[in-house]
Amino acid sequence: MGWWPDILNPFKIGVMSKQEMERKRAIIQLVGETEAMGDMMVRMNRQCYEKCSAALMERGEDLSLDETACIDCCAAKFLEAQMKVGQVFMQEAQESGMPGAPSA
């Protein structure tokens, strides 16, 4: 089944113990979080590159101090916004009683 380890194979026939199910759930969650983090980094890189250094390729030079400062500020603001969105999402999930939401 591709790169999926046997424990994650959704087509694996047989009964899994509670411990195997918990391990499978934790691995799937970790894979999802890793993919989400990678996606966030790609979006941040794209957004900050377009905002701060789109002309860089045309010039063929290193980043200027202004571009470096812009990218630093852009990345910090992007991550701060992502954290705020995540906090709001978690709060709403808790209030709605969404399964798997951390308790307050």
Protein backbone atom coordinates (compact mmCIF):
# COMPACT_ATOMS: atom_id res chain seq x y z
CA MET A 1 0.00 0.00 0.00
CA GLY A 2 2.63 2.55 -1.04
CA TRP A 3 4.67 4.17 1.68
CA TRP A 4 2.08 3.57 4.40
CA PRO A 5 3.36 1.33 7.16
CA ASP A 6 1.26 -1.73 7.86
CA ILE A 7 -0.28 -0.20 10.98
CA LEU A 8 -1.75 2.64 8.89
CA ASN A 9 -3.06 0.42 6.10
CA PRO A 10 -6.84 1.02 6.08
CA PHE A 11 -7.30 -2.25 4.17
CA LYS A 12 -5.45 -4.39 6.72
CA ILE A 13 -7.68 -7.29 7.57
CA GLY A 14 -7.96 -8.33 11.18
CA VAL A 15 -8.81 -6.96 14.56
CA MET A 16 -6.58 -4.33 16.11
CA SER A 17 -6.04 -4.00 19.81
CA LYS A 18 -6.92 -0.74 21.56
CA GLN A 19 -3.19 0.02 21.81
CA GLU A 20 -2.74 -0.52 18.05
CA MET A 21 -5.72 1.73 17.33
CA GLU A 22 -4.35 4.50 19.56
CA ARG A 23 -0.94 4.21 17.92
CA LYS A 24 -2.54 4.34 14.47
CA ARG A 25 -4.60 7.39 15.45
CA ALA A 26 -1.50 9.18 16.82
CA ILE A 27 0.54 8.46 13.67
CA ILE A 28 -2.25 9.65 11.38
CA GLN A 29 -2.61 12.83 13.45
CA LEU A 30 1.14 13.44 13.29
CA VAL A 31 1.19 12.93 9.52
CA GLY A 32 -1.69 15.38 9.15
CA GLU A 33 -0.02 17.97 11.34
CA THR A 34 3.24 17.59 9.42
CA GLU A 35 1.46 18.08 6.10
CA ALA A 36 -0.40 21.12 7.46
CA MET A 37 2.84 22.66 8.71
CA GLY A 38 4.50 22.07 5.35
CA ASP A 39 1.54 23.66 3.57
CA MET A 40 1.70 26.67 5.90
CA MET A 41 5.42 27.10 5.21
CA VAL A 42 4.84 26.98 1.44
CA ARG A 43 2.08 29.61 1.70
CA MET A 44 4.22 31.83 3.95
CA ASN A 45 7.23 31.56 1.62
CA ARG A 46 5.11 32.37 -1.42
CA GLN A 47 3.32 35.30 0.20
CA CYS A 48 6.44 36.86 1.71
CA TYR A 49 8.50 36.32 -1.45
CA GLU A 50 5.85 38.03 -3.59
CA LYS A 51 5.56 40.89 -1.10
CA CYS A 52 9.22 41.48 -0.33
CA SER A 53 11.53 40.21 -3.03
CA ALA A 54 9.67 39.50 -6.26
CA ALA A 55 12.18 41.62 -8.19
CA LEU A 56 15.09 39.60 -6.79
CA MET A 57 15.20 37.19 -9.71
CA GLU A 58 15.23 40.04 -12.19
CA ARG A 59 18.20 41.67 -10.46
CA GLY A 60 20.07 38.45 -9.86
CA GLU A 61 21.46 39.77 -6.58
CA ASP A 62 21.37 38.81 -2.93
CA LEU A 63 18.63 40.15 -0.68
CA SER A 64 19.03 43.75 0.37
CA LEU A 65 18.75 44.74 4.02
CA ASP A 66 15.28 46.16 3.35
CA GLU A 67 14.17 42.90 1.70
CA THR A 68 15.59 40.87 4.57
CA ALA A 69 13.77 43.03 7.12
CA CYS A 70 10.57 42.81 5.07
CA ILE A 71 10.74 39.02 4.91
CA ASP A 72 11.44 38.79 8.65
CA CYS A 73 8.48 41.02 9.47
CA CYS A 74 6.23 39.27 6.94
CA ALA A 75 7.04 35.81 8.34
CA ALA A 76 6.46 36.99 11.92
CA LYS A 77 3.08 38.52 11.02
CA PHE A 78 2.08 35.44 9.02
CA LEU A 79 2.88 33.10 11.93
CA GLU A 80 1.14 35.39 14.42
CA ALA A 81 -1.99 35.42 12.25
CA GLN A 82 -1.89 31.62 11.95
CA MET A 83 -1.65 31.32 15.75
CA LYS A 84 -4.64 33.63 16.25
CA VAL A 85 -6.71 31.71 13.70
CA GLY A 86 -5.76 28.44 15.41
CA GLN A 87 -6.75 29.79 18.83
CA VAL A 88 -10.14 30.95 17.53
CA PHE A 89 -10.69 27.59 15.84
CA MET A 90 -9.81 25.67 19.02
CA GLN A 91 -12.08 27.89 21.13
CA GLU A 92 -14.99 27.40 18.75
CA ALA A 93 -14.33 23.65 18.62
CA GLN A 94 -14.41 23.49 22.43
CA GLU A 95 -17.59 25.54 22.65
CA SER A 96 -19.34 23.40 20.05
CA GLY A 97 -18.25 20.18 21.75
CA MET A 98 -16.47 18.95 18.64
CA PRO A 99 -15.08 15.44 19.19
CA GLY A 100 -11.31 15.48 19.70
CA ALA A 101 -11.22 19.12 20.73
CA PRO A 102 -9.00 19.74 23.75
CA SER A 103 -10.89 20.58 26.90
CA ALA A 104 -10.43 23.95 28.57
